[in-house]
């Protein structure tokens, strides 16, 4: 036990080598946890996925700098990942739950005009919408666009006519 304490240090009084070793351990743990969490953690960018990413980073950093002990941090992060995985599974299996957790897509443009009520709800302006149009349809010409949506993850998508 004394050997491990000498390598990892104790508390926040750590030297560079101890902090580096902790960083390597946490990196490997984080890699394993992200693999357990699944590809959606970094692929979908939904609020559920952003929460797990931010929370893991915040909690794991505590172990690296010695603000918290390593084992409780790893256990806590494992629980966060398991909750994320369960909630992700539930959103796949139940549309009502998915709508509650992740929201619904909203139409922002249809029949040649913007839907201001939905734009206000989504807190986007015309320039935000046009940025999505330029990115997705590669045009500034709304005459070529049938519909524009703000997706559940906040991205703007457009359908060509």
C-alpha atoms as a PDB file:
ATOM      1  CA  UNK A   1       0.000   0.000   0.000  1.00  0.00           C
ATOM      2  CA  UNK A   2       2.873   2.345   0.835  1.00  0.00           C
ATOM      3  CA  UNK A   3       4.401   1.586  -2.575  1.00  0.00           C
ATOM      4  CA  UNK A   4       1.194   2.662  -4.388  1.00  0.00           C
ATOM      5  CA  UNK A   5       0.959   5.773  -2.230  1.00  0.00           C
ATOM      6  CA  UNK A   6       4.550   6.677  -3.141  1.00  0.00           C
ATOM      7  CA  UNK A   7       3.800   6.269  -6.859  1.00  0.00           C
ATOM      8  CA  UNK A   8       0.413   8.018  -6.919  1.00  0.00           C
ATOM      9  CA  UNK A   9       0.931  10.417  -4.039  1.00  0.00           C
ATOM     10  CA  UNK A  10      -1.759  11.382  -1.586  1.00  0.00           C
ATOM     11  CA  UNK A  11      -3.932  14.460  -1.396  1.00  0.00           C
ATOM     12  CA  UNK A  12      -3.210  17.486  -3.502  1.00  0.00           C
ATOM     13  CA  UNK A  13       0.496  17.679  -2.668  1.00  0.00           C
ATOM     14  CA  UNK A  14       1.677  15.861  -5.798  1.00  0.00           C
ATOM     15  CA  UNK A  15       4.835  16.144  -7.824  1.00  0.00           C
ATOM     16  CA  UNK A  16       4.888  16.169 -11.624  1.00  0.00           C
ATOM     17  CA  UNK A  17       5.627  12.449 -11.913  1.00  0.00           C
ATOM     18  CA  UNK A  18       2.759  11.469  -9.583  1.00  0.00           C
ATOM     19  CA  UNK A  19       0.335  13.715 -11.420  1.00  0.00           C
ATOM     20  CA  UNK A  20       1.518  12.310 -14.764  1.00  0.00           C
ATOM     21  CA  UNK A  21       1.000   8.724 -13.598  1.00  0.00           C
ATOM     22  CA  UNK A  22      -2.467   9.656 -12.328  1.00  0.00           C
ATOM     23  CA  UNK A  23      -3.174  11.285 -15.693  1.00  0.00           C
ATOM     24  CA  UNK A  24      -2.196   8.121 -17.571  1.00  0.00           C
ATOM     25  CA  UNK A  25      -4.372   5.956 -15.302  1.00  0.00           C
ATOM     26  CA  UNK A  26      -7.354   8.299 -15.658  1.00  0.00           C
ATOM     27  CA  UNK A  27      -6.831   8.422 -19.436  1.00  0.00           C
ATOM     28  CA  UNK A  28      -7.045   4.619 -19.629  1.00  0.00           C
ATOM     29  CA  UNK A  29     -10.081   4.551 -17.316  1.00  0.00           C
ATOM     30  CA  UNK A  30     -11.762   7.289 -19.377  1.00  0.00           C
ATOM     31  CA  UNK A  31     -11.108   5.353 -22.582  1.00  0.00           C
ATOM     32  CA  UNK A  32     -12.703   2.243 -21.085  1.00  0.00           C
ATOM     33  CA  UNK A  33     -15.677   4.206 -19.753  1.00  0.00           C
ATOM     34  CA  UNK A  34     -16.278   5.930 -23.086  1.00  0.00           C
ATOM     35  CA  UNK A  35     -16.189   2.535 -24.809  1.00  0.00           C
ATOM     36  CA  UNK A  36     -18.762   1.278 -22.285  1.00  0.00           C
ATOM     37  CA  UNK A  37     -20.822   4.435 -22.732  1.00  0.00           C
ATOM     38  CA  UNK A  38     -21.011   3.820 -26.450  1.00  0.00           C
ATOM     39  CA  UNK A  39     -20.470   5.788 -29.619  1.00  0.00           C
ATOM     40  CA  UNK A  40     -23.349   8.113 -28.964  1.00  0.00           C
ATOM     41  CA  UNK A  41     -21.351   9.825 -26.194  1.00  0.00           C
ATOM     42  CA  UNK A  42     -19.350  11.737 -28.769  1.00  0.00           C
ATOM     43  CA  UNK A  43     -21.307  11.114 -31.940  1.00  0.00           C
ATOM     44  CA  UNK A  44     -24.782  12.535 -31.414  1.00  0.00           C
ATOM     45  CA  UNK A  45     -24.049  15.635 -29.356  1.00  0.00           C
ATOM     46  CA  UNK A  46     -27.429  15.460 -27.643  1.00  0.00           C
ATOM     47  CA  UNK A  47     -27.874  17.061 -24.226  1.00  0.00           C
ATOM     48  CA  UNK A  48     -27.730  13.638 -22.576  1.00  0.00           C
ATOM     49  CA  UNK A  49     -24.404  12.925 -24.265  1.00  0.00           C
ATOM     50  CA  UNK A  50     -22.938  16.356 -23.567  1.00  0.00           C
ATOM     51  CA  UNK A  51     -23.787  15.966 -19.884  1.00  0.00           C
ATOM     52  CA  UNK A  52     -21.883  12.690 -19.576  1.00  0.00           C
ATOM     53  CA  UNK A  53     -18.870  14.129 -21.400  1.00  0.00           C
ATOM     54  CA  UNK A  54     -18.692  17.278 -19.279  1.00  0.00           C
ATOM     55  CA  UNK A  55     -19.351  15.434 -16.025  1.00  0.00           C
ATOM     56  CA  UNK A  56     -16.732  12.765 -16.677  1.00  0.00           C
ATOM     57  CA  UNK A  57     -14.145  15.421 -17.457  1.00  0.00           C
ATOM     58  CA  UNK A  58     -14.934  17.403 -14.332  1.00  0.00           C
ATOM     59  CA  UNK A  59     -14.979  14.431 -11.972  1.00  0.00           C
ATOM     60  CA  UNK A  60     -11.947  12.672 -13.449  1.00  0.00           C
ATOM     61  CA  UNK A  61      -9.826  15.795 -13.266  1.00  0.00           C
ATOM     62  CA  UNK A  62     -10.253  15.693  -9.491  1.00  0.00           C
ATOM     63  CA  UNK A  63      -8.380  12.383  -9.360  1.00  0.00           C
ATOM     64  CA  UNK A  64      -5.531  13.700 -11.494  1.00  0.00           C
ATOM     65  CA  UNK A  65      -4.886  16.743  -9.303  1.00  0.00           C
ATOM     66  CA  UNK A  66      -5.459  14.842  -6.058  1.00  0.00           C
ATOM     67  CA  UNK A  67      -8.585  16.729  -4.990  1.00  0.00           C
ATOM     68  CA  UNK A  68     -10.386  13.371  -4.654  1.00  0.00           C
ATOM     69  CA  UNK A  69      -9.171   9.827  -4.190  1.00  0.00           C
ATOM     70  CA  UNK A  70      -8.766   7.687  -7.295  1.00  0.00           C
ATOM     71  CA  UNK A  71     -11.084   4.766  -6.453  1.00  0.00           C
ATOM     72  CA  UNK A  72     -14.163   6.853  -5.523  1.00  0.00           C
ATOM     73  CA  UNK A  73     -13.678   8.906  -8.696  1.00  0.00           C
ATOM     74  CA  UNK A  74     -13.534   5.791 -10.875  1.00  0.00           C
ATOM     75  CA  UNK A  75     -16.597   4.303  -9.145  1.00  0.00           C
ATOM     76  CA  UNK A  76     -18.508   7.572  -9.509  1.00  0.00           C
ATOM     77  CA  UNK A  77     -17.595   7.861 -13.190  1.00  0.00           C
ATOM     78  CA  UNK A  78     -18.599   4.255 -13.799  1.00  0.00           C
ATOM     79  CA  UNK A  79     -22.014   4.988 -12.300  1.00  0.00           C
ATOM     80  CA  UNK A  80     -22.368   8.113 -14.468  1.00  0.00           C
ATOM     81  CA  UNK A  81     -21.581   6.050 -17.578  1.00  0.00           C
ATOM     82  CA  UNK A  82     -24.038   3.323 -16.573  1.00  0.00           C
ATOM     83  CA  UNK A  83     -26.803   5.888 -16.000  1.00  0.00           C
ATOM     84  CA  UNK A  84     -25.986   7.416 -19.400  1.00  0.00           C
ATOM     85  CA  UNK A  85     -26.141   4.008 -21.054  1.00  0.00           C
ATOM     86  CA  UNK A  86     -29.491   3.168 -19.397  1.00  0.00           C
ATOM     87  CA  UNK A  87     -31.021   6.538 -20.317  1.00  0.00           C
ATOM     88  CA  UNK A  88     -29.676   6.200 -23.867  1.00  0.00           C
ATOM     89  CA  UNK A  89     -31.226   2.746 -24.141  1.00  0.00           C
ATOM     90  CA  UNK A  90     -34.531   4.079 -22.797  1.00  0.00           C
ATOM     91  CA  UNK A  91     -34.569   6.884 -25.388  1.00  0.00           C
ATOM     92  CA  UNK A  92     -34.164   4.289 -28.131  1.00  0.00           C
ATOM     93  CA  UNK A  93     -36.961   2.110 -26.786  1.00  0.00           C
ATOM     94  CA  UNK A  94     -39.517   4.783 -25.837  1.00  0.00           C
ATOM     95  CA  UNK A  95     -40.310   7.755 -28.100  1.00  0.00           C
ATOM     96  CA  UNK A  96     -42.158   9.687 -25.375  1.00  0.00           C
ATOM     97  CA  UNK A  97     -39.160   9.318 -23.049  1.00  0.00           C
ATOM     98  CA  UNK A  98     -36.816  10.375 -25.873  1.00  0.00           C
ATOM     99  CA  UNK A  99     -38.909  13.470 -26.520  1.00  0.00           C
ATOM    100  CA  UNK A 100     -38.822  14.316 -22.820  1.00  0.00           C
ATOM    101  CA  UNK A 101     -35.064  13.832 -22.458  1.00  0.00           C
ATOM    102  CA  UNK A 102     -33.829  15.026 -25.865  1.00  0.00           C
ATOM    103  CA  UNK A 103     -36.655  17.237 -27.122  1.00  0.00           C
ATOM    104  CA  UNK A 104     -38.260  17.275 -30.559  1.00  0.00           C
ATOM    105  CA  UNK A 105     -37.166  18.670 -33.871  1.00  0.00           C
ATOM    106  CA  UNK A 106     -38.859  21.947 -34.828  1.00  0.00           C
ATOM    107  CA  UNK A 107     -39.639  23.270 -38.264  1.00  0.00           C
ATOM    108  CA  UNK A 108     -38.216  26.752 -38.844  1.00  0.00           C
ATOM    109  CA  UNK A 109     -38.997  27.336 -42.527  1.00  0.00           C
ATOM    110  CA  UNK A 110     -41.767  25.991 -44.738  1.00  0.00           C
ATOM    111  CA  UNK A 111     -43.711  27.094 -47.831  1.00  0.00           C
ATOM    112  CA  UNK A 112     -41.249  29.888 -48.570  1.00  0.00           C
ATOM    113  CA  UNK A 113     -41.365  31.611 -45.184  1.00  0.00           C
ATOM    114  CA  UNK A 114     -39.782  31.477 -41.763  1.00  0.00           C
ATOM    115  CA  UNK A 115     -41.875  30.297 -38.828  1.00  0.00           C
ATOM    116  CA  UNK A 116     -41.060  33.041 -36.338  1.00  0.00           C
ATOM    117  CA  UNK A 117     -42.869  31.419 -33.406  1.00  0.00           C
ATOM    118  CA  UNK A 118     -40.645  28.336 -33.665  1.00  0.00           C
ATOM    119  CA  UNK A 119     -37.520  30.412 -34.266  1.00  0.00           C
ATOM    120  CA  UNK A 120     -38.248  32.344 -31.077  1.00  0.00           C
ATOM    121  CA  UNK A 121     -38.785  29.078 -29.166  1.00  0.00           C
ATOM    122  CA  UNK A 122     -35.504  27.707 -30.508  1.00  0.00           C
ATOM    123  CA  UNK A 123     -33.750  31.038 -29.868  1.00  0.00           C
ATOM    124  CA  UNK A 124     -32.339  31.281 -33.400  1.00  0.00           C
ATOM    125  CA  UNK A 125     -32.280  34.164 -35.835  1.00  0.00           C
ATOM    126  CA  UNK A 126     -32.417  34.147 -39.643  1.00  0.00           C
ATOM    127  CA  UNK A 127     -28.630  34.239 -39.899  1.00  0.00           C
ATOM    128  CA  UNK A 128     -28.349  31.111 -37.713  1.00  0.00           C
ATOM    129  CA  UNK A 129     -30.839  29.362 -39.983  1.00  0.00           C
ATOM    130  CA  UNK A 130     -29.065  30.536 -43.125  1.00  0.00           C
ATOM    131  CA  UNK A 131     -25.768  29.219 -41.774  1.00  0.00           C
ATOM    132  CA  UNK A 132     -27.367  25.784 -41.557  1.00  0.00           C
ATOM    133  CA  UNK A 133     -28.759  26.157 -45.079  1.00  0.00           C
ATOM    134  CA  UNK A 134     -25.353  27.090 -46.473  1.00  0.00           C
ATOM    135  CA  UNK A 135     -23.754  24.155 -44.677  1.00  0.00           C
ATOM    136  CA  UNK A 136     -26.383  21.581 -45.674  1.00  0.00           C
ATOM    137  CA  UNK A 137     -27.734  22.668 -49.042  1.00  0.00           C
ATOM    138  CA  UNK A 138     -24.724  24.722 -50.156  1.00  0.00           C
ATOM    139  CA  UNK A 139     -26.802  27.709 -51.196  1.00  0.00           C
ATOM    140  CA  UNK A 140     -28.041  31.089 -50.022  1.00  0.00           C
ATOM    141  CA  UNK A 141     -31.141  30.806 -52.188  1.00  0.00           C
ATOM    142  CA  UNK A 142     -34.194  29.885 -50.082  1.00  0.00           C
ATOM    143  CA  UNK A 143     -36.155  29.264 -53.296  1.00  0.00           C
ATOM    144  CA  UNK A 144     -34.221  25.988 -53.512  1.00  0.00           C
ATOM    145  CA  UNK A 145     -35.197  24.956 -49.976  1.00  0.00           C
ATOM    146  CA  UNK A 146     -38.375  23.087 -49.079  1.00  0.00           C
ATOM    147  CA  UNK A 147     -38.072  22.937 -45.276  1.00  0.00           C
ATOM    148  CA  UNK A 148     -35.593  23.836 -42.563  1.00  0.00           C
ATOM    149  CA  UNK A 149     -35.517  22.195 -39.135  1.00  0.00           C
ATOM    150  CA  UNK A 150     -33.663  22.622 -35.893  1.00  0.00           C
ATOM    151  CA  UNK A 151     -32.880  19.072 -34.843  1.00  0.00           C
ATOM    152  CA  UNK A 152     -32.983  17.673 -31.321  1.00  0.00           C
ATOM    153  CA  UNK A 153     -29.241  18.180 -30.971  1.00  0.00           C
ATOM    154  CA  UNK A 154     -29.484  21.851 -31.984  1.00  0.00           C
ATOM    155  CA  UNK A 155     -28.135  21.466 -35.515  1.00  0.00           C
ATOM    156  CA  UNK A 156     -30.002  23.105 -38.366  1.00  0.00           C
ATOM    157  CA  UNK A 157     -30.859  20.896 -41.318  1.00  0.00           C
ATOM    158  CA  UNK A 158     -32.507  21.743 -44.610  1.00  0.00           C
ATOM    159  CA  UNK A 159     -34.329  19.780 -47.293  1.00  0.00           C
ATOM    160  CA  UNK A 160     -33.965  20.731 -50.944  1.00  0.00           C
ATOM    161  CA  UNK A 161     -37.002  21.137 -53.169  1.00  0.00           C
END
